């Protein structure tokens, strides 16, 4: 099984380095994404609807900050708890209708992963070193990880 980006209607445009002061100036942000590293691997979850591996991510709820969204989505989709997330910048992409999306990206590390908590969106979690063949990976996440590999992730 080879690893390949699965478009699924979303296309990666670029990663934008930014600090947290820039975060507060963006008014039209999409949901937050989380990169959790254990040693030199990244945590992915398998989305049962889109049939692909993805980074933990999701839409913000009413009055939720991008950081609060990242913490909640990480737990809901993977069972991992972490409040020590660092803001890295923004992933720019387009959706099915060609609309520009801007997702805040957060990063954290852990020594080990907690047990997976079954939910109706994800069927499994796994650590990935970006080289092992794993099948379909969300295109935006795939290209984002490779864009961040040297600068931020040290994989």
C-alpha atoms as a PDB file:
ATOM      1  CA  UNK A   1       0.000   0.000   0.000  1.00  0.00           C
ATOM      2  CA  UNK A   2       1.660   3.216  -1.158  1.00  0.00           C
ATOM      3  CA  UNK A   3       1.149   6.578   0.481  1.00  0.00           C
ATOM      4  CA  UNK A   4      -0.561   9.156  -1.691  1.00  0.00           C
ATOM      5  CA  UNK A   5      -2.377  12.473  -1.247  1.00  0.00           C
ATOM      6  CA  UNK A   6      -6.165  12.130  -1.517  1.00  0.00           C
ATOM      7  CA  UNK A   7      -7.686  15.343  -2.871  1.00  0.00           C
ATOM      8  CA  UNK A   8     -11.263  14.746  -1.692  1.00  0.00           C
ATOM      9  CA  UNK A   9     -12.174  18.251  -2.881  1.00  0.00           C
ATOM     10  CA  UNK A  10      -9.494  20.213  -0.991  1.00  0.00           C
ATOM     11  CA  UNK A  11      -6.213  21.446  -2.448  1.00  0.00           C
ATOM     12  CA  UNK A  12      -3.163  22.662  -0.528  1.00  0.00           C
ATOM     13  CA  UNK A  13      -1.855  26.091  -1.540  1.00  0.00           C
ATOM     14  CA  UNK A  14       0.875  26.953   0.976  1.00  0.00           C
ATOM     15  CA  UNK A  15       1.972  27.205   4.590  1.00  0.00           C
ATOM     16  CA  UNK A  16       2.363  30.694   6.062  1.00  0.00           C
ATOM     17  CA  UNK A  17       4.682  31.129   9.050  1.00  0.00           C
ATOM     18  CA  UNK A  18       3.098  33.467  11.577  1.00  0.00           C
ATOM     19  CA  UNK A  19       3.187  34.358  15.252  1.00  0.00           C
ATOM     20  CA  UNK A  20       0.255  34.520  17.637  1.00  0.00           C
ATOM     21  CA  UNK A  21      -0.180  38.291  17.215  1.00  0.00           C
ATOM     22  CA  UNK A  22      -1.023  37.717  13.542  1.00  0.00           C
ATOM     23  CA  UNK A  23      -3.549  35.053  14.595  1.00  0.00           C
ATOM     24  CA  UNK A  24      -5.776  37.600  16.309  1.00  0.00           C
ATOM     25  CA  UNK A  25      -5.823  39.846  13.221  1.00  0.00           C
ATOM     26  CA  UNK A  26      -7.416  37.173  10.981  1.00  0.00           C
ATOM     27  CA  UNK A  27     -11.196  37.408  10.996  1.00  0.00           C
ATOM     28  CA  UNK A  28     -12.144  34.643   8.543  1.00  0.00           C
ATOM     29  CA  UNK A  29     -10.327  31.593   9.868  1.00  0.00           C
ATOM     30  CA  UNK A  30     -11.469  28.045   9.211  1.00  0.00           C
ATOM     31  CA  UNK A  31     -11.134  25.278  11.791  1.00  0.00           C
ATOM     32  CA  UNK A  32      -7.908  24.469  13.614  1.00  0.00           C
ATOM     33  CA  UNK A  33      -5.456  21.653  12.841  1.00  0.00           C
ATOM     34  CA  UNK A  34      -3.067  19.886  15.239  1.00  0.00           C
ATOM     35  CA  UNK A  35       0.280  18.235  14.604  1.00  0.00           C
ATOM     36  CA  UNK A  36       1.116  15.986  17.553  1.00  0.00           C
ATOM     37  CA  UNK A  37       4.592  14.457  17.462  1.00  0.00           C
ATOM     38  CA  UNK A  38       5.843  11.431  19.361  1.00  0.00           C
ATOM     39  CA  UNK A  39       9.579  11.095  18.803  1.00  0.00           C
ATOM     40  CA  UNK A  40       9.991  11.522  15.051  1.00  0.00           C
ATOM     41  CA  UNK A  41       6.444  10.559  14.086  1.00  0.00           C
ATOM     42  CA  UNK A  42       3.168  12.429  13.600  1.00  0.00           C
ATOM     43  CA  UNK A  43      -0.230  11.334  14.900  1.00  0.00           C
ATOM     44  CA  UNK A  44      -2.884  10.741  12.243  1.00  0.00           C
ATOM     45  CA  UNK A  45      -6.487   9.597  12.594  1.00  0.00           C
ATOM     46  CA  UNK A  46      -8.485   7.615  10.029  1.00  0.00           C
ATOM     47  CA  UNK A  47     -11.608   9.462   8.884  1.00  0.00           C
ATOM     48  CA  UNK A  48     -14.293   6.867   8.180  1.00  0.00           C
ATOM     49  CA  UNK A  49     -16.372   9.226   5.996  1.00  0.00           C
ATOM     50  CA  UNK A  50     -13.549  10.343   3.694  1.00  0.00           C
ATOM     51  CA  UNK A  51     -11.644   7.032   3.962  1.00  0.00           C
ATOM     52  CA  UNK A  52      -8.260   8.676   4.513  1.00  0.00           C
ATOM     53  CA  UNK A  53      -5.691   9.436   7.183  1.00  0.00           C
ATOM     54  CA  UNK A  54      -5.855  13.000   8.495  1.00  0.00           C
ATOM     55  CA  UNK A  55      -4.403  15.313  11.078  1.00  0.00           C
ATOM     56  CA  UNK A  56      -6.788  15.998  13.959  1.00  0.00           C
ATOM     57  CA  UNK A  57      -8.789  19.043  12.877  1.00  0.00           C
ATOM     58  CA  UNK A  58     -12.228  20.562  12.802  1.00  0.00           C
ATOM     59  CA  UNK A  59     -14.493  23.580  12.778  1.00  0.00           C
ATOM     60  CA  UNK A  60     -14.721  26.046  15.627  1.00  0.00           C
ATOM     61  CA  UNK A  61     -17.827  26.070  17.735  1.00  0.00           C
ATOM     62  CA  UNK A  62     -19.568  29.341  18.672  1.00  0.00           C
ATOM     63  CA  UNK A  63     -17.303  31.676  20.671  1.00  0.00           C
ATOM     64  CA  UNK A  64     -14.461  29.142  20.607  1.00  0.00           C
ATOM     65  CA  UNK A  65     -10.900  30.369  20.086  1.00  0.00           C
ATOM     66  CA  UNK A  66      -8.702  28.664  17.488  1.00  0.00           C
ATOM     67  CA  UNK A  67      -6.583  27.215  20.340  1.00  0.00           C
ATOM     68  CA  UNK A  68      -9.642  25.892  22.199  1.00  0.00           C
ATOM     69  CA  UNK A  69     -10.839  24.323  18.954  1.00  0.00           C
ATOM     70  CA  UNK A  70      -7.466  22.607  18.447  1.00  0.00           C
ATOM     71  CA  UNK A  71      -7.452  21.189  21.990  1.00  0.00           C
ATOM     72  CA  UNK A  72     -11.045  19.930  21.657  1.00  0.00           C
ATOM     73  CA  UNK A  73     -10.594  18.399  18.200  1.00  0.00           C
ATOM     74  CA  UNK A  74      -7.384  16.644  19.241  1.00  0.00           C
ATOM     75  CA  UNK A  75      -9.240  14.961  22.092  1.00  0.00           C
ATOM     76  CA  UNK A  76     -12.494  14.250  20.227  1.00  0.00           C
ATOM     77  CA  UNK A  77     -10.814  12.651  17.220  1.00  0.00           C
ATOM     78  CA  UNK A  78      -7.872  10.865  18.844  1.00  0.00           C
ATOM     79  CA  UNK A  79      -8.372  10.664  22.619  1.00  0.00           C
ATOM     80  CA  UNK A  80      -5.185  12.672  23.203  1.00  0.00           C
ATOM     81  CA  UNK A  81      -5.131  15.432  25.808  1.00  0.00           C
ATOM     82  CA  UNK A  82      -2.732  18.327  25.543  1.00  0.00           C
ATOM     83  CA  UNK A  83      -3.062  21.966  26.492  1.00  0.00           C
ATOM     84  CA  UNK A  84       0.553  22.756  25.612  1.00  0.00           C
ATOM     85  CA  UNK A  85       0.054  23.612  21.939  1.00  0.00           C
ATOM     86  CA  UNK A  86       2.245  26.058  20.044  1.00  0.00           C
ATOM     87  CA  UNK A  87       0.901  28.109  17.155  1.00  0.00           C
ATOM     88  CA  UNK A  88       2.963  27.559  13.980  1.00  0.00           C
ATOM     89  CA  UNK A  89       1.109  29.508  11.324  1.00  0.00           C
ATOM     90  CA  UNK A  90      -1.579  28.978   8.699  1.00  0.00           C
ATOM     91  CA  UNK A  91      -2.357  26.361   6.092  1.00  0.00           C
ATOM     92  CA  UNK A  92      -3.871  27.913   2.983  1.00  0.00           C
ATOM     93  CA  UNK A  93      -6.076  25.707   0.818  1.00  0.00           C
ATOM     94  CA  UNK A  94      -9.114  25.765  -1.446  1.00  0.00           C
ATOM     95  CA  UNK A  95     -12.296  23.789  -0.947  1.00  0.00           C
ATOM     96  CA  UNK A  96     -14.571  22.078  -3.487  1.00  0.00           C
ATOM     97  CA  UNK A  97     -16.095  25.393  -4.566  1.00  0.00           C
ATOM     98  CA  UNK A  98     -12.683  27.039  -4.982  1.00  0.00           C
ATOM     99  CA  UNK A  99     -13.040  29.154  -1.833  1.00  0.00           C
ATOM    100  CA  UNK A 100      -9.817  30.070  -0.041  1.00  0.00           C
ATOM    101  CA  UNK A 101      -9.553  28.536   3.442  1.00  0.00           C
ATOM    102  CA  UNK A 102      -7.094  29.571   6.158  1.00  0.00           C
ATOM    103  CA  UNK A 103      -6.549  27.053   8.972  1.00  0.00           C
ATOM    104  CA  UNK A 104      -4.530  27.839  12.115  1.00  0.00           C
ATOM    105  CA  UNK A 105      -1.912  25.124  12.709  1.00  0.00           C
ATOM    106  CA  UNK A 106      -0.856  24.073  16.209  1.00  0.00           C
ATOM    107  CA  UNK A 107       1.925  21.718  17.225  1.00  0.00           C
ATOM    108  CA  UNK A 108       2.650  19.728  20.376  1.00  0.00           C
ATOM    109  CA  UNK A 109       4.768  16.769  21.465  1.00  0.00           C
ATOM    110  CA  UNK A 110       4.206  13.828  23.787  1.00  0.00           C
ATOM    111  CA  UNK A 111       6.361  10.923  24.949  1.00  0.00           C
ATOM    112  CA  UNK A 112       3.640   8.334  24.213  1.00  0.00           C
ATOM    113  CA  UNK A 113       0.109   8.372  22.891  1.00  0.00           C
ATOM    114  CA  UNK A 114      -2.918   7.665  25.042  1.00  0.00           C
ATOM    115  CA  UNK A 115      -5.338   4.859  24.122  1.00  0.00           C
ATOM    116  CA  UNK A 116      -7.692   5.605  21.238  1.00  0.00           C
ATOM    117  CA  UNK A 117     -11.261   6.463  22.163  1.00  0.00           C
ATOM    118  CA  UNK A 118     -13.725   5.168  19.584  1.00  0.00           C
ATOM    119  CA  UNK A 119     -15.939   7.819  18.016  1.00  0.00           C
ATOM    120  CA  UNK A 120     -18.266   8.166  15.041  1.00  0.00           C
ATOM    121  CA  UNK A 121     -15.788  10.095  12.889  1.00  0.00           C
ATOM    122  CA  UNK A 122     -12.512   8.207  13.260  1.00  0.00           C
ATOM    123  CA  UNK A 123     -11.900   4.477  13.383  1.00  0.00           C
ATOM    124  CA  UNK A 124      -8.197   4.388  14.270  1.00  0.00           C
ATOM    125  CA  UNK A 125      -5.123   6.454  15.107  1.00  0.00           C
ATOM    126  CA  UNK A 126      -1.505   5.838  14.193  1.00  0.00           C
ATOM    127  CA  UNK A 127       1.915   7.410  14.267  1.00  0.00           C
ATOM    128  CA  UNK A 128       3.499   8.084  10.874  1.00  0.00           C
ATOM    129  CA  UNK A 129       7.108   8.878   9.987  1.00  0.00           C
ATOM    130  CA  UNK A 130       6.204  10.325   6.550  1.00  0.00           C
ATOM    131  CA  UNK A 131       7.993   7.446   4.806  1.00  0.00           C
ATOM    132  CA  UNK A 132       6.049   4.284   5.702  1.00  0.00           C
ATOM    133  CA  UNK A 133       3.379   3.385   3.112  1.00  0.00           C
ATOM    134  CA  UNK A 134      -0.062   3.963   4.679  1.00  0.00           C
ATOM    135  CA  UNK A 135      -2.488   4.602   1.801  1.00  0.00           C
ATOM    136  CA  UNK A 136      -4.607   7.717   1.344  1.00  0.00           C
ATOM    137  CA  UNK A 137      -3.685  10.825   3.345  1.00  0.00           C
ATOM    138  CA  UNK A 138      -5.708  14.049   3.077  1.00  0.00           C
ATOM    139  CA  UNK A 139      -3.983  16.159   0.416  1.00  0.00           C
ATOM    140  CA  UNK A 140      -3.831  19.331   2.504  1.00  0.00           C
ATOM    141  CA  UNK A 141      -2.385  17.434   5.486  1.00  0.00           C
ATOM    142  CA  UNK A 142       0.063  15.473   3.293  1.00  0.00           C
ATOM    143  CA  UNK A 143       1.541  18.572   1.657  1.00  0.00           C
ATOM    144  CA  UNK A 144       1.453  20.566   4.905  1.00  0.00           C
ATOM    145  CA  UNK A 145       3.512  17.928   6.729  1.00  0.00           C
ATOM    146  CA  UNK A 146       6.116  17.880   3.978  1.00  0.00           C
ATOM    147  CA  UNK A 147       6.214  21.699   3.881  1.00  0.00           C
ATOM    148  CA  UNK A 148       6.827  21.752   7.658  1.00  0.00           C
ATOM    149  CA  UNK A 149       9.152  18.749   7.770  1.00  0.00           C
ATOM    150  CA  UNK A 150      12.470  20.532   7.904  1.00  0.00           C
ATOM    151  CA  UNK A 151      11.539  23.875   9.451  1.00  0.00           C
ATOM    152  CA  UNK A 152       9.227  22.859  12.271  1.00  0.00           C
ATOM    153  CA  UNK A 153       8.907  19.101  12.657  1.00  0.00           C
ATOM    154  CA  UNK A 154      12.475  17.749  12.395  1.00  0.00           C
ATOM    155  CA  UNK A 155      11.308  14.398  11.040  1.00  0.00           C
END
